Protein backbone atom coordinates (compact mmCIF):
# COMPACT_ATOMS: atom_id res chain seq x y z
CA MET A 1 18.56 -112.51 51.65
CA SER A 2 21.75 -112.40 49.63
CA VAL A 3 23.32 -109.00 49.26
CA THR A 4 23.85 -109.52 45.56
CA THR A 5 20.19 -110.29 44.81
CA PRO A 6 19.21 -106.75 43.72
CA LEU A 7 22.32 -106.58 41.53
CA ASN A 8 21.73 -109.92 39.84
CA ASP A 9 17.94 -109.75 39.64
CA GLU A 10 17.42 -108.27 36.16
CA MET A 11 13.75 -107.48 36.79
CA LEU A 12 14.47 -105.57 40.01
CA ARG A 13 17.40 -103.76 38.39
CA HIS A 14 15.16 -102.77 35.49
CA ARG A 15 12.49 -101.46 37.88
CA LEU A 16 15.09 -99.47 39.80
CA ASP A 17 16.45 -97.94 36.59
CA ALA A 18 12.90 -97.13 35.47
CA ALA A 19 12.21 -95.46 38.81
CA LEU A 20 15.29 -93.26 38.48
CA ALA A 21 14.37 -92.39 34.89
CA GLN A 22 10.81 -91.46 35.85
CA VAL A 23 11.87 -89.04 38.59
CA ASN A 24 14.59 -87.56 36.36
CA GLY A 25 11.91 -87.00 33.74
CA VAL A 26 10.03 -84.74 36.15
CA LEU A 27 12.96 -83.01 37.86
CA LEU A 28 15.00 -82.04 34.83
CA GLY A 29 18.76 -81.56 34.95
CA LYS A 30 19.23 -82.90 38.49
CA PRO A 31 20.42 -86.53 38.10
CA ARG A 32 22.89 -86.31 40.99
CA GLN A 33 20.29 -84.97 43.43
CA VAL A 34 17.76 -87.59 42.32
CA LYS A 35 20.30 -90.39 42.81
CA LEU A 36 21.16 -89.01 46.25
CA ALA A 37 17.47 -88.95 47.17
CA PHE A 38 17.15 -92.59 46.10
CA ALA A 39 20.29 -93.50 48.05
CA CYS A 40 18.83 -91.91 51.17
CA LEU A 41 15.47 -93.63 50.99
CA LEU A 42 16.86 -97.04 50.01
CA ALA A 43 19.21 -96.85 53.01
CA GLY A 44 16.20 -96.23 55.26
CA GLY A 45 17.05 -92.60 55.97
CA HIS A 46 15.09 -89.37 56.05
CA LEU A 47 15.68 -86.61 53.52
CA LEU A 48 15.86 -82.83 53.97
CA LEU A 49 15.49 -80.62 50.88
CA GLU A 50 16.69 -77.08 51.50
CA ASP A 51 16.49 -74.32 48.91
CA VAL A 52 14.63 -71.20 47.86
CA PRO A 53 10.97 -71.60 46.85
CA GLY A 54 10.15 -72.69 43.32
CA VAL A 55 13.10 -74.92 42.39
CA GLY A 56 11.32 -78.28 42.63
CA LYS A 57 11.57 -79.45 46.26
CA THR A 58 7.90 -80.39 46.57
CA THR A 59 7.86 -81.81 43.05
CA LEU A 60 10.73 -84.15 43.92
CA ALA A 61 8.99 -85.30 47.10
CA HIS A 62 5.73 -86.01 45.24
CA ALA A 63 7.57 -87.85 42.47
CA LEU A 64 9.42 -90.03 45.01
CA ALA A 65 6.16 -90.93 46.76
CA VAL A 66 4.44 -92.01 43.55
CA THR A 67 7.48 -93.77 42.10
CA PHE A 68 8.15 -95.74 45.28
CA GLY A 69 4.49 -96.80 45.37
CA LEU A 70 4.02 -95.76 48.99
CA ASP A 71 1.11 -94.37 50.97
CA PHE A 72 1.61 -90.62 51.08
CA GLN A 73 0.55 -87.75 53.31
CA ARG A 74 1.53 -84.08 53.19
CA ILE A 75 1.65 -81.67 56.11
CA GLN A 76 2.00 -77.99 55.35
CA PHE A 77 3.98 -76.65 58.29
CA THR A 78 2.82 -73.23 59.53
CA SER A 79 3.41 -71.15 62.62
CA ASP A 80 0.07 -72.22 64.14
CA LEU A 81 0.55 -75.98 63.55
CA LEU A 82 0.18 -78.05 66.73
CA PRO A 83 1.93 -81.35 67.54
CA SER A 84 -1.49 -83.05 67.66
CA ASP A 85 -2.05 -81.93 64.05
CA ILE A 86 0.92 -84.15 63.14
CA ILE A 87 0.71 -87.10 65.51
CA GLY A 88 -2.99 -87.36 66.28
CA VAL A 89 -5.12 -87.01 69.37
CA SER A 90 -7.02 -89.14 71.89
CA VAL A 91 -10.73 -88.34 71.92
CA TYR A 92 -13.14 -89.32 74.68
CA GLU A 93 -16.04 -91.41 73.37
CA ARG A 94 -19.16 -91.16 75.48
CA GLU A 95 -20.59 -94.43 74.17
CA THR A 96 -17.68 -96.55 75.43
CA GLY A 97 -16.51 -94.30 78.26
CA GLU A 98 -12.95 -94.56 76.94
CA PHE A 99 -10.44 -92.48 75.07
CA ARG A 100 -9.81 -93.53 71.49
CA PHE A 101 -6.70 -92.54 69.58
CA HIS A 102 -7.27 -90.90 66.20
CA PRO A 103 -4.00 -91.14 64.26
CA GLY A 104 -2.68 -88.07 62.49
CA PRO A 105 -1.13 -87.78 59.04
CA ILE A 106 2.24 -89.03 60.32
CA PHE A 107 0.84 -92.56 60.08
CA THR A 108 1.88 -93.09 56.49
CA SER A 109 4.81 -94.59 54.62
CA LEU A 110 6.10 -91.36 53.09
CA LEU A 111 5.43 -88.11 54.87
CA LEU A 112 6.09 -84.81 53.12
CA ALA A 113 6.82 -82.23 55.81
CA ASP A 114 6.53 -79.15 53.63
CA GLU A 115 8.34 -75.99 54.77
CA ILE A 116 9.19 -77.64 58.08
CA ASN A 117 11.06 -74.60 59.37
CA ARG A 118 7.94 -72.40 59.24
CA ALA A 119 6.55 -74.27 62.25
CA THR A 120 7.53 -73.51 65.83
CA PRO A 121 10.18 -75.68 67.53
CA LYS A 122 7.45 -77.39 69.58
CA SER A 123 5.75 -78.68 66.44
CA GLN A 124 9.08 -79.53 64.79
CA SER A 125 9.98 -81.70 67.78
CA ALA A 126 6.84 -83.76 67.28
CA LEU A 127 8.68 -85.50 64.46
CA LEU A 128 11.78 -86.33 66.50
CA GLU A 129 10.61 -89.56 68.13
CA ALA A 130 8.98 -90.69 64.89
CA MET A 131 12.18 -90.19 62.88
CA ALA A 132 14.39 -91.76 65.54
CA GLU A 133 12.28 -94.71 66.65
CA ASP A 134 9.61 -95.24 63.95
CA GLN A 135 6.96 -94.74 66.63
CA VAL A 136 5.07 -92.03 68.49
CA THR A 137 3.87 -91.86 72.08
CA VAL A 138 0.56 -90.24 72.99
CA ASP A 139 -0.78 -90.16 76.56
CA GLY A 140 1.76 -92.76 77.60
CA THR A 141 0.83 -95.21 74.84
CA THR A 142 3.29 -96.06 72.07
CA HIS A 143 2.00 -96.42 68.52
CA ALA A 144 4.16 -98.02 65.84
CA LEU A 145 4.43 -96.29 62.46
CA PRO A 146 4.06 -98.13 59.14
CA LYS A 147 7.04 -99.88 57.60
CA PRO A 148 8.70 -98.45 55.65
CA PHE A 149 8.47 -94.95 57.07
CA PHE A 150 10.24 -92.05 55.36
CA VAL A 151 10.17 -88.34 56.08
CA VAL A 152 10.92 -86.04 53.15
CA ALA A 153 11.07 -82.52 54.55
CA THR A 154 11.48 -79.26 52.68
CA GLN A 155 12.71 -76.04 54.20
CA ASN A 156 13.46 -72.54 53.04
CA PRO A 157 16.80 -70.83 53.74
CA LEU A 158 16.92 -69.35 57.23
CA ASP A 159 17.30 -65.79 55.98
CA LEU A 160 13.74 -65.84 54.61
CA ALA A 161 11.03 -64.29 56.78
CA GLY A 162 9.03 -66.49 59.12
CA THR A 163 11.49 -69.35 59.52
CA PHE A 164 12.61 -71.15 62.68
CA PRO A 165 15.94 -73.01 62.55
CA LEU A 166 15.80 -76.76 63.13
CA PRO A 167 17.74 -77.77 66.27
CA ASP A 168 20.86 -79.86 65.80
CA SER A 169 19.15 -82.90 67.33
CA GLN A 170 16.48 -82.69 64.64
CA LEU A 171 18.94 -82.09 61.80
CA ASP A 172 20.90 -85.16 62.89
CA ARG A 173 17.88 -87.35 62.16
CA PHE A 174 18.08 -86.54 58.46
CA MET A 175 20.49 -88.87 56.69
CA LEU A 176 21.02 -86.43 53.81
CA ARG A 177 20.38 -82.75 53.17
CA LEU A 178 20.15 -81.70 49.53
CA SER A 179 20.02 -78.38 47.73
CA LEU A 180 18.51 -78.46 44.26
CA ASP A 181 19.80 -75.07 43.06
CA TYR A 182 18.54 -73.33 39.94
CA PRO A 183 18.32 -75.42 36.74
CA ASP A 184 20.93 -75.02 34.02
CA PRO A 185 19.80 -73.07 30.92
CA GLN A 186 19.03 -76.20 28.88
CA ALA A 187 16.90 -77.77 31.63
CA GLU A 188 15.16 -74.46 32.28
CA ARG A 189 14.27 -74.09 28.59
CA ALA A 190 12.80 -77.61 28.63
CA LEU A 191 10.73 -76.61 31.67
CA LEU A 192 9.47 -73.47 29.93
CA ILE A 193 8.33 -75.21 26.77
CA GLY A 194 7.37 -78.58 28.27
CA GLU A 195 4.34 -79.98 30.04
CA ASP A 196 3.28 -78.45 33.35
CA ARG A 197 4.88 -80.36 36.26
CA ARG A 198 1.52 -80.71 38.02
CA ASP A 199 0.04 -82.34 34.92
CA MET A 200 3.05 -84.63 34.64
CA MET A 201 2.54 -85.83 38.21
CA GLY A 202 -0.83 -87.24 37.21
CA HIS A 203 0.85 -89.49 34.63
CA LEU A 204 3.43 -91.02 36.98
CA THR A 205 3.06 -94.66 37.97
CA PRO A 206 4.63 -96.75 40.76
CA ARG A 207 7.90 -98.29 39.59
CA LEU A 208 8.78 -99.99 42.89
CA ASP A 209 6.68 -101.69 45.53
CA THR A 210 7.09 -102.62 49.18
CA ALA A 211 8.61 -106.02 48.32
CA SER A 212 11.31 -104.56 46.08
CA ILE A 213 12.00 -101.76 48.58
CA ALA A 214 12.37 -104.38 51.33
CA ALA A 215 14.82 -106.34 49.16
CA LEU A 216 16.89 -103.23 48.53
CA HIS A 217 16.79 -102.27 52.22
CA ALA A 218 18.05 -105.72 53.15
CA ALA A 219 20.85 -105.51 50.59
CA VAL A 220 22.32 -102.14 51.60
CA PRO A 221 23.88 -103.20 54.97
CA GLY A 222 25.63 -106.11 53.26
CA ILE A 223 27.41 -104.02 50.64
CA THR A 224 31.10 -104.67 51.36
CA ALA A 225 33.16 -101.92 52.97
CA SER A 226 36.82 -102.92 53.22
CA GLY A 227 39.09 -102.11 56.11
CA ARG A 228 40.89 -99.45 54.08
CA LEU A 229 37.57 -97.91 53.10
CA LEU A 230 36.62 -97.70 56.77
CA ASP A 231 40.04 -96.14 57.47
CA TYR A 232 39.14 -93.41 54.98
CA LEU A 233 35.72 -92.86 56.50
CA GLN A 234 37.23 -92.64 60.00
CA ALA A 235 39.84 -90.19 58.74
CA LEU A 236 37.02 -87.93 57.52
CA LEU A 237 35.24 -88.19 60.87
CA GLY A 238 38.45 -87.39 62.71
CA ALA A 239 39.23 -84.44 60.44
CA SER A 240 35.80 -82.95 61.13
CA ARG A 241 36.51 -83.02 64.88
CA LYS A 242 39.89 -81.29 64.55
CA HIS A 243 39.04 -78.68 61.90
CA ASN A 244 39.67 -75.12 63.03
CA ASP A 245 36.31 -73.91 61.72
CA VAL A 246 34.30 -76.65 63.45
CA ARG A 247 33.09 -76.43 67.04
CA VAL A 248 31.30 -79.80 67.06
CA GLY A 249 32.41 -82.44 64.56
CA LEU A 250 30.71 -85.52 63.22
CA SER A 251 29.38 -88.02 65.75
CA PRO A 252 29.55 -91.83 65.51
CA ARG A 253 25.89 -91.74 64.41
CA ALA A 254 26.91 -89.43 61.57
CA GLY A 255 29.55 -91.98 60.62
CA LEU A 256 26.94 -94.72 60.46
CA ALA A 257 24.72 -92.53 58.28
CA LEU A 258 27.65 -91.74 55.99
CA LEU A 259 28.51 -95.43 55.59
CA ALA A 260 24.87 -96.40 54.94
CA ALA A 261 24.50 -93.68 52.30
CA ALA A 262 27.77 -94.71 50.64
CA ARG A 263 26.65 -98.33 50.53
CA SER A 264 23.34 -97.32 49.01
CA TRP A 265 25.13 -95.15 46.41
CA ALA A 266 27.31 -98.17 45.52
CA LEU A 267 24.20 -100.34 45.11
CA LEU A 268 22.62 -97.76 42.81
CA SER A 269 25.89 -97.74 40.83
CA GLY A 270 25.64 -101.49 40.31
CA ARG A 271 28.34 -102.60 42.73
CA ASP A 272 28.29 -104.82 45.83
CA TYR A 273 31.29 -103.05 47.37
CA VAL A 274 32.03 -99.45 48.40
CA ILE A 275 34.83 -97.41 46.85
CA PRO A 276 36.17 -94.03 48.06
CA GLU A 277 34.24 -92.25 45.31
CA ASP A 278 30.99 -93.47 46.90
CA VAL A 279 31.93 -91.87 50.21
CA GLN A 280 32.96 -88.68 48.42
CA ALA A 281 29.65 -88.56 46.51
CA VAL A 282 27.56 -88.56 49.69
CA PHE A 283 29.91 -86.83 52.15
CA VAL A 284 28.74 -83.22 51.86
CA PRO A 285 24.99 -84.10 51.85
CA ALA A 286 25.53 -86.43 54.83
CA ALA A 287 27.97 -84.31 56.84
CA ALA A 288 27.44 -80.59 56.26
CA HIS A 289 24.17 -80.17 58.18
CA ARG A 290 25.64 -82.06 61.16
CA LEU A 291 28.65 -79.77 61.59
CA VAL A 292 28.51 -76.93 64.11
CA SER A 293 30.58 -74.03 62.85
CA ALA A 294 32.99 -72.30 65.23
CA ARG A 295 33.16 -69.03 63.31
CA GLY A 296 29.86 -68.79 61.50
CA GLY A 297 31.22 -70.31 58.32
CA HIS A 298 29.04 -72.01 55.72
CA ARG A 299 28.63 -75.68 56.60
CA ASP A 300 28.78 -76.91 53.01
CA ALA A 301 32.05 -75.07 52.38
CA ILE A 302 33.56 -76.51 55.56
CA ALA A 303 32.48 -80.04 54.59
CA ARG A 304 33.99 -79.63 51.12
CA ALA A 305 37.23 -78.40 52.68
CA ILE A 306 37.37 -81.42 54.99
CA LEU A 307 36.80 -83.72 52.03
CA ALA A 308 39.47 -82.01 49.92
CA ASP A 309 42.06 -82.02 52.71
CA THR A 310 41.64 -85.67 53.72
CA PRO A 311 43.78 -88.01 51.60
CA VAL A 312 42.45 -91.35 50.41
CA PRO A 313 44.48 -94.10 52.16
């Protein structure tokens, strides 16, 4: 499929614009975060939403599921959640004398892992193979997950009670990590006087389907990234590994995620080539959660410093 098809196909472009507008109509005053969420999912990545309760994390995840027209399941992560509650379990059937696998809620196209850091590390790790390989293994048997398969996870800040930090290996599986922050006064006033968000969810309709998502997925890897653009991306990766406040910098896999997100951002911006501004737009969401601080510094601040200190070639 030609890389320019989604850009030149007026119907698909219209549907994509309508999808963005629909989600922005629910999550008021957050167009950048909504566009980043779209960039993540269209690039085939998984999304982590981290913020205090009540700012719209779950609302965004629900709106994405409906707007993308995908099968949807939600798992509320709690301290007593078991891996089998996520993946499924094999049950012995007396009639056949065999074990039969009963799939869990992970067998869906868009999985909302709500408050993922309230579950124990053992349950968190149940998602690792699924996010990395699009499959799960139970009792030695591998089961493929639906295509597409997205995880949209929400988590509360680690200083809130009852939270367990995600290990670095798990964080690395999320292409982007977003923080919604509090709404600006104008958006908050619109929320206060407008329709209840739960009622609005009932009026949302699918704006994309699996065929259009597949076309967009196929287009993203072909978005042109010039040699000089790759020089810039490599300079950012190198700077993260040499920064005084960083103990472990960005890996090659992080570089691939950064490039995929930048390509997807370019596609959403109506271009078939990547410019430095695309990399800059996605750098902090793609890089900050992958950095390991050497001195306990805030990862977002370190990522912003790396971005500011690295010149565009």
